[in-house]
């Protein structure tokens, strides 16, 4: 039996890759799985060819180019041996599209799970995607029609977050599990899952928390830490909670989220939030010319409107962010009610649970 090569490049991809690996092993017991990713994929039985952390930003990516090319050469050589029956790319398009092209050149089918966000930027990738992708499993509702219109065999499989959220705790249960106070307000901070994001965001996140604590005596602040981040309890003045993002969101009244998948987690959990992001000045200047969407937060993109307030680059300042979050605490306030209704709508748009199983079934139908 030929192996399936699963390629993930960051924390979220590692999580999705691990869930997919578990489903594949149930459908195809004994199937050899290898790939790139992290600890979760390794624990799920994937032979790790390389573990690495994803990077974002145009300038930030440059210093990782040599290591990416070394890995690309290793994977290309592996594809040439004939031992690989299927490549599954998970997100991380800057690297994975190159591997997909190498696989297509060797006649190895490619299943792309969580496809490049061509609706945001680099729409020119659609032509290449049609050439190198055998099947695409898309996770946002509007992506299927977009990709099919460009000649990509795409299927909306639902968002994999829903697989993790089938048995969400109540707020009271979440607080009890995490050892948090049963009463009182809680603000959750989600500064990012990459080291570079922590460097750019953490200080300002804590400044916002300090301001809200000054305004709202008794406010409890917690910081959610991704498994990829090396933060210790004495590094920050608030409690750290590791690898429990959904529980943290369910326990919290309001969240401050770095732009990304966490904003959709907030929608699934039903937690009002504000969205922020900051990158290098050069990367931001380039992005302003290339990115063609009105909103930066996935939550707002799926909603099709500015549901959650966004603060990007220089707009990410303590007072305005604190003002926006404070409006969301009032239980009967108009801002909170409107956001809760909008979050429920976003969750409904994400499909139904079972994305990982659907993708595994696709893979099992392709691999020989």
Protein backbone atom coordinates (compact mmCIF):
# COMPACT_ATOMS: atom_id res chain seq x y z
CA UNK A 1 0.00 0.00 0.00
CA UNK A 2 1.45 3.35 -1.03
CA UNK A 3 1.77 6.09 1.56
CA UNK A 4 -0.29 9.22 2.00
CA UNK A 5 1.77 12.36 2.46
CA UNK A 6 0.03 14.94 4.70
CA UNK A 7 1.53 18.43 4.68
CA UNK A 8 0.67 21.02 7.34
CA UNK A 9 2.72 24.07 8.18
CA UNK A 10 1.36 25.62 11.38
CA UNK A 11 -0.55 24.92 14.57
CA UNK A 12 -4.06 24.90 13.07
CA UNK A 13 -2.94 22.73 10.16
CA UNK A 14 -1.29 20.31 12.59
CA UNK A 15 -4.58 19.97 14.45
CA UNK A 16 -6.57 19.41 11.24
CA UNK A 17 -3.94 16.97 9.98
CA UNK A 18 -4.12 14.94 13.19
CA UNK A 19 -7.91 14.65 13.02
CA UNK A 20 -7.68 13.67 9.37
CA UNK A 21 -4.99 11.05 10.11
CA UNK A 22 -7.21 9.44 12.75
CA UNK A 23 -10.13 9.21 10.31
CA UNK A 24 -7.90 7.81 7.56
CA UNK A 25 -6.55 5.08 9.80
CA UNK A 26 -10.10 4.08 10.69
CA UNK A 27 -11.09 3.88 7.01
CA UNK A 28 -7.82 2.35 5.79
CA UNK A 29 -6.22 0.45 8.68
CA UNK A 30 -2.47 0.18 8.23
CA UNK A 31 -2.21 2.90 5.59
CA UNK A 32 1.29 4.47 5.82
CA UNK A 33 1.08 8.15 6.74
CA UNK A 34 4.00 10.57 6.55
CA UNK A 35 4.27 14.31 6.37
CA UNK A 36 5.15 17.64 7.89
CA UNK A 37 3.43 19.27 10.83
CA UNK A 38 3.70 19.10 14.58
CA UNK A 39 3.20 17.14 17.76
CA UNK A 40 -0.50 16.41 17.20
CA UNK A 41 0.10 14.77 13.82
CA UNK A 42 3.00 12.78 15.24
CA UNK A 43 0.80 11.57 18.11
CA UNK A 44 -1.87 10.58 15.56
CA UNK A 45 0.56 8.19 13.90
CA UNK A 46 2.02 10.34 11.12
CA UNK A 47 5.72 9.78 10.45
CA UNK A 48 7.14 13.28 10.74
CA UNK A 49 9.55 14.17 7.96
CA UNK A 50 9.94 17.64 9.44
CA UNK A 51 8.26 19.63 12.19
CA UNK A 52 8.08 23.34 11.61
CA UNK A 53 6.18 26.46 12.58
CA UNK A 54 4.36 28.50 9.96
CA UNK A 55 5.24 32.15 9.41
CA UNK A 56 3.18 35.03 8.08
CA UNK A 57 4.09 38.36 6.53
CA UNK A 58 5.95 39.02 3.30
CA UNK A 59 9.21 40.10 4.91
CA UNK A 60 9.04 37.46 7.66
CA UNK A 61 8.79 34.63 5.14
CA UNK A 62 12.03 35.57 3.37
CA UNK A 63 14.37 34.22 6.05
CA UNK A 64 12.63 30.84 5.90
CA UNK A 65 13.06 30.40 2.15
CA UNK A 66 16.31 28.35 2.36
CA UNK A 67 14.81 25.80 4.78
CA UNK A 68 11.62 25.61 2.70
CA UNK A 69 13.60 24.85 -0.44
CA UNK A 70 15.59 22.15 1.33
CA UNK A 71 12.35 20.53 2.44
CA UNK A 72 10.83 20.92 -1.02
CA UNK A 73 13.81 19.08 -2.52
CA UNK A 74 13.37 16.24 0.02
CA UNK A 75 9.67 15.91 -0.72
CA UNK A 76 10.22 16.08 -4.50
CA UNK A 77 12.72 13.24 -4.22
CA UNK A 78 10.25 11.22 -2.17
CA UNK A 79 7.54 11.76 -4.78
CA UNK A 80 9.89 10.53 -7.50
CA UNK A 81 10.31 7.14 -5.79
CA UNK A 82 6.74 6.10 -6.58
CA UNK A 83 6.02 5.26 -2.95
CA UNK A 84 3.54 8.14 -2.49
CA UNK A 85 -0.04 7.40 -3.54
CA UNK A 86 -1.59 10.72 -2.53
CA UNK A 87 -0.50 14.14 -1.31
CA UNK A 88 -2.85 15.97 1.05
CA UNK A 89 -1.99 19.66 1.37
CA UNK A 90 -3.46 21.50 4.34
CA UNK A 91 -3.52 25.29 4.01
CA UNK A 92 0.00 26.89 4.00
CA UNK A 93 -0.22 27.75 0.27
CA UNK A 94 3.16 29.46 -0.22
CA UNK A 95 4.87 26.11 0.33
CA UNK A 96 2.15 23.58 -0.35
CA UNK A 97 1.33 24.85 -3.84
CA UNK A 98 4.95 24.14 -4.81
CA UNK A 99 4.66 20.59 -3.47
CA UNK A 100 1.35 20.19 -5.30
CA UNK A 101 3.05 21.18 -8.56
CA UNK A 102 5.86 18.71 -7.91
CA UNK A 103 3.34 15.96 -7.19
CA UNK A 104 1.35 16.69 -10.34
CA UNK A 105 4.55 16.54 -12.39
CA UNK A 106 5.13 13.01 -11.03
CA UNK A 107 1.54 11.95 -11.66
CA UNK A 108 0.73 11.82 -7.94
CA UNK A 109 -2.83 12.99 -7.14
CA UNK A 110 -3.26 15.99 -4.86
CA UNK A 111 -6.10 16.57 -2.41
CA UNK A 112 -5.99 20.15 -1.13
CA UNK A 113 -7.76 20.62 2.21
CA UNK A 114 -8.26 24.27 3.23
CA UNK A 115 -7.33 25.85 -0.07
CA UNK A 116 -5.46 29.11 -0.77
CA UNK A 117 -7.58 32.16 -0.02
CA UNK A 118 -7.77 33.33 -3.61
CA UNK A 119 -10.89 35.32 -2.75
CA UNK A 120 -8.64 37.61 -0.69
CA UNK A 121 -5.50 37.90 -2.79
CA UNK A 122 -3.50 36.23 -5.57
CA UNK A 123 -6.55 35.25 -7.60
CA UNK A 124 -4.07 34.34 -10.34
CA UNK A 125 -3.39 31.15 -8.39
CA UNK A 126 -6.72 29.76 -9.60
CA UNK A 127 -5.23 28.74 -12.95
CA UNK A 128 -2.40 26.87 -11.29
CA UNK A 129 -4.78 25.26 -8.82
CA UNK A 130 -6.86 23.90 -11.69
CA UNK A 131 -3.72 22.33 -13.17
CA UNK A 132 -2.23 20.70 -10.07
CA UNK A 133 -5.12 19.90 -7.69
CA UNK A 134 -7.02 16.65 -8.21
CA UNK A 135 -9.69 17.48 -5.63
CA UNK A 136 -10.21 20.42 -3.30
CA UNK A 137 -11.96 20.19 0.07
CA UNK A 138 -13.01 23.73 0.95
CA UNK A 139 -14.16 24.90 4.38
CA UNK A 140 -15.88 28.22 3.69
CA UNK A 141 -19.33 28.22 2.07
CA UNK A 142 -18.57 30.56 -0.82
CA UNK A 143 -15.35 28.82 -1.92
CA UNK A 144 -16.90 25.85 -3.74
CA UNK A 145 -18.58 27.91 -6.47
CA UNK A 146 -15.54 30.16 -6.85
CA UNK A 147 -13.13 27.27 -7.39
CA UNK A 148 -15.51 25.25 -9.57
CA UNK A 149 -15.90 28.28 -11.79
CA UNK A 150 -12.14 28.21 -12.36
CA UNK A 151 -12.08 24.50 -13.20
CA UNK A 152 -11.10 23.10 -9.78
CA UNK A 153 -13.00 20.01 -8.61
CA UNK A 154 -14.04 21.53 -5.26
CA UNK A 155 -16.45 20.36 -2.57
CA UNK A 156 -17.58 22.26 0.53
CA UNK A 157 -16.99 19.86 3.43
CA UNK A 158 -17.94 22.18 6.30
CA UNK A 159 -15.53 23.75 8.72
CA UNK A 160 -13.38 21.38 10.82
CA UNK A 161 -13.91 23.58 13.87
CA UNK A 162 -17.38 22.08 14.11
CA UNK A 163 -15.86 18.64 14.68
CA UNK A 164 -14.19 19.93 17.82
CA UNK A 165 -17.29 21.77 18.98
CA UNK A 166 -19.89 19.01 19.01
CA UNK A 167 -19.89 18.80 22.80
CA UNK A 168 -19.10 22.30 23.95
CA UNK A 169 -19.37 22.84 27.70
CA UNK A 170 -21.78 25.39 29.13
CA UNK A 171 -20.09 28.57 30.39
CA UNK A 172 -20.45 27.28 33.96
CA UNK A 173 -18.92 23.91 33.04
CA UNK A 174 -16.06 25.59 31.19
CA UNK A 175 -15.24 27.78 34.17
CA UNK A 176 -15.28 24.79 36.50
CA UNK A 177 -12.99 22.77 34.20
CA UNK A 178 -10.51 25.63 33.97
CA UNK A 179 -10.62 26.50 37.66
CA UNK A 180 -12.04 29.96 37.00
CA UNK A 181 -14.50 31.86 39.23
CA UNK A 182 -18.11 30.78 38.80
CA UNK A 183 -19.30 34.40 38.86
CA UNK A 184 -17.87 37.67 37.65
CA UNK A 185 -16.74 38.88 34.24
CA UNK A 186 -13.96 37.17 32.27
CA UNK A 187 -11.95 38.59 29.37
CA UNK A 188 -10.01 36.07 27.24
CA UNK A 189 -6.92 37.08 25.25
CA UNK A 190 -5.88 35.24 22.09
CA UNK A 191 -2.70 36.95 20.81
CA UNK A 192 -1.74 34.28 18.26
CA UNK A 193 -0.24 30.87 17.66
CA UNK A 194 3.10 31.96 16.20
CA UNK A 195 6.12 33.36 18.03
CA UNK A 196 6.24 36.42 15.77
CA UNK A 197 2.58 37.19 16.55
CA UNK A 198 3.25 37.02 20.28
CA UNK A 199 6.14 39.44 19.88
CA UNK A 200 3.97 41.92 17.99
CA UNK A 201 0.74 41.53 19.97
CA UNK A 202 1.30 40.52 23.57
CA UNK A 203 2.28 43.87 25.06
CA UNK A 204 -0.73 45.64 23.54
CA UNK A 205 -3.11 42.83 24.50
CA UNK A 206 -2.01 43.17 28.11
CA UNK A 207 -2.35 46.96 27.91
CA UNK A 208 -5.96 46.57 26.76
CA UNK A 209 -6.59 44.12 29.58
CA UNK A 210 -5.11 46.52 32.12
CA UNK A 211 -7.32 49.32 30.88
CA UNK A 212 -10.45 47.20 31.09
CA UNK A 213 -9.50 45.97 34.55
CA UNK A 214 -9.18 49.59 35.64
CA UNK A 215 -12.62 50.36 34.27
CA UNK A 216 -14.30 47.16 35.46
CA UNK A 217 -13.09 46.20 38.96
CA UNK A 218 -13.15 42.45 39.52
CA UNK A 219 -12.64 41.62 35.86
CA UNK A 220 -10.74 38.31 35.48
CA UNK A 221 -8.31 38.17 32.54
CA UNK A 222 -6.93 34.93 31.09
CA UNK A 223 -4.54 34.36 28.20
CA UNK A 224 -4.99 31.39 25.88
CA UNK A 225 -1.65 29.86 24.85
CA UNK A 226 -1.26 27.71 21.74
CA UNK A 227 0.93 24.60 22.05
CA UNK A 228 3.44 26.21 19.67
CA UNK A 229 4.15 29.09 22.06
CA UNK A 230 6.77 28.99 24.81
CA UNK A 231 5.27 31.29 27.44
CA UNK A 232 5.69 30.66 31.15
CA UNK A 233 3.48 31.70 34.02
CA UNK A 234 5.97 34.31 35.22
CA UNK A 235 6.23 35.88 31.75
CA UNK A 236 2.85 37.62 32.01
CA UNK A 237 0.74 39.00 34.89
CA UNK A 238 -2.41 37.00 34.01
CA UNK A 239 -3.19 33.27 34.19
CA UNK A 240 -2.15 31.18 31.18
CA UNK A 241 -4.43 28.43 29.86
CA UNK A 242 -2.87 26.04 27.35
CA UNK A 243 -4.42 24.19 24.42
CA UNK A 244 -8.04 24.77 25.46
CA UNK A 245 -9.28 27.53 23.20
CA UNK A 246 -12.93 26.45 23.03
CA UNK A 247 -13.15 26.00 26.81
CA UNK A 248 -11.59 29.44 27.31
CA UNK A 249 -14.04 31.03 24.88
CA UNK A 250 -17.02 29.35 26.52
CA UNK A 251 -15.83 30.50 29.95
CA UNK A 252 -15.28 34.10 28.82
CA UNK A 253 -17.83 36.87 28.50
CA UNK A 254 -15.77 38.69 25.85
CA UNK A 255 -12.60 37.87 23.88
CA UNK A 256 -9.85 39.85 22.20
CA UNK A 257 -8.69 37.81 19.20
CA UNK A 258 -5.83 38.01 16.77
CA UNK A 259 -7.21 37.82 13.25
CA UNK A 260 -7.40 34.22 12.08
CA UNK A 261 -9.16 30.96 12.88
CA UNK A 262 -9.74 32.02 16.49
CA UNK A 263 -12.35 34.48 15.29
CA UNK A 264 -14.37 31.58 13.85
CA UNK A 265 -13.86 29.66 17.09
CA UNK A 266 -15.45 32.64 18.83
CA UNK A 267 -18.41 32.40 16.46
CA UNK A 268 -18.84 28.69 17.12
CA UNK A 269 -18.51 29.23 20.87
CA UNK A 270 -20.89 32.21 20.81
CA UNK A 271 -18.42 34.61 22.42
CA UNK A 272 -18.52 38.31 21.45
CA UNK A 273 -15.10 39.57 20.42
CA UNK A 274 -12.98 42.26 18.84
CA UNK A 275 -10.38 41.44 16.17
CA UNK A 276 -6.88 42.90 15.96
CA UNK A 277 -3.73 42.39 13.93
CA UNK A 278 -0.31 43.95 13.54
CA UNK A 279 2.59 42.99 11.29
CA UNK A 280 5.79 44.67 10.09
CA UNK A 281 5.41 48.03 8.37
CA UNK A 282 6.76 46.70 5.09
CA UNK A 283 4.54 43.61 5.11
CA UNK A 284 1.51 45.76 5.85
CA UNK A 285 2.34 48.19 3.04
CA UNK A 286 2.61 45.30 0.57
CA UNK A 287 -0.60 43.70 1.85
CA UNK A 288 -2.56 46.92 1.36
CA UNK A 289 -1.74 46.75 -2.35
CA UNK A 290 -2.37 43.03 -2.78
CA UNK A 291 -5.26 42.08 -0.48
CA UNK A 292 -8.62 42.73 -2.10
CA UNK A 293 -11.12 42.19 0.71
CA UNK A 294 -12.81 44.69 2.97
CA UNK A 295 -12.43 42.75 6.23
CA UNK A 296 -9.43 41.00 7.78
CA UNK A 297 -11.23 38.76 10.29
CA UNK A 298 -12.55 35.42 9.04
CA UNK A 299 -15.57 35.93 11.24
CA UNK A 300 -16.47 39.11 9.35
CA UNK A 301 -15.61 37.59 5.97
CA UNK A 302 -18.06 34.72 6.50
CA UNK A 303 -20.65 37.12 7.90
CA UNK A 304 -20.23 39.35 4.87
CA UNK A 305 -20.17 42.45 7.07
CA UNK A 306 -18.33 44.12 9.93
CA UNK A 307 -19.90 42.05 12.68
CA UNK A 308 -16.92 42.22 15.06
CA UNK A 309 -14.90 45.45 15.33
CA UNK A 310 -11.47 45.30 13.67
CA UNK A 311 -8.29 47.16 14.61
CA UNK A 312 -5.41 46.66 12.20
CA UNK A 313 -1.85 47.97 12.35
CA UNK A 314 -1.79 51.58 13.67
CA UNK A 315 -5.50 51.38 14.56
CA UNK A 316 -4.61 48.71 17.13
CA UNK A 317 -4.37 51.05 20.14
CA UNK A 318 -5.33 50.51 23.75
CA UNK A 319 -8.17 52.97 24.25
CA UNK A 320 -10.23 52.30 21.10
CA UNK A 321 -9.96 48.54 21.53
CA UNK A 322 -10.92 48.77 25.20
CA UNK A 323 -13.89 50.97 24.27
CA UNK A 324 -15.12 48.41 21.74
CA UNK A 325 -14.74 45.49 24.14
CA UNK A 326 -16.42 47.31 27.01
CA UNK A 327 -19.61 47.70 24.96
CA UNK A 328 -19.78 43.91 24.61
CA UNK A 329 -19.84 43.13 28.33
CA UNK A 330 -23.30 44.53 29.08
CA UNK A 331 -25.58 41.43 29.21
CA UNK A 332 -28.61 43.26 27.84
CA UNK A 333 -26.69 45.81 25.77
CA UNK A 334 -27.55 46.32 22.12
CA UNK A 335 -23.97 45.66 20.96
CA UNK A 336 -23.80 42.29 22.72
CA UNK A 337 -27.25 41.19 21.56
CA UNK A 338 -26.50 42.10 17.94
CA UNK A 339 -23.18 40.28 18.00
CA UNK A 340 -24.64 37.13 19.56
CA UNK A 341 -27.26 37.00 16.81
CA UNK A 342 -24.58 37.51 14.16
CA UNK A 343 -22.32 34.83 15.65
CA UNK A 344 -25.17 32.30 15.51
CA UNK A 345 -25.66 33.12 11.83
CA UNK A 346 -21.94 32.65 11.10
CA UNK A 347 -21.92 29.30 12.87
CA UNK A 348 -24.86 28.14 10.74
CA UNK A 349 -23.01 29.12 7.57
CA UNK A 350 -20.03 26.93 8.46
CA UNK A 351 -21.92 23.74 7.62
CA UNK A 352 -22.27 20.62 9.75
CA UNK A 353 -19.77 18.54 11.75
CA UNK A 354 -17.85 15.81 9.95
CA UNK A 355 -15.35 17.71 7.77
CA UNK A 356 -12.42 15.45 8.72
CA UNK A 357 -14.39 12.30 7.91
CA UNK A 358 -15.55 13.72 4.57
CA UNK A 359 -11.99 14.58 3.60
CA UNK A 360 -10.75 11.15 4.73
CA UNK A 361 -13.43 9.53 2.55
CA UNK A 362 -12.28 11.65 -0.39
CA UNK A 363 -8.69 10.57 0.23
CA UNK A 364 -9.61 6.89 0.54
CA UNK A 365 -11.41 7.13 -2.80
CA UNK A 366 -8.33 8.55 -4.52
CA UNK A 367 -5.34 6.68 -3.11
CA UNK A 368 -4.34 3.40 -4.71
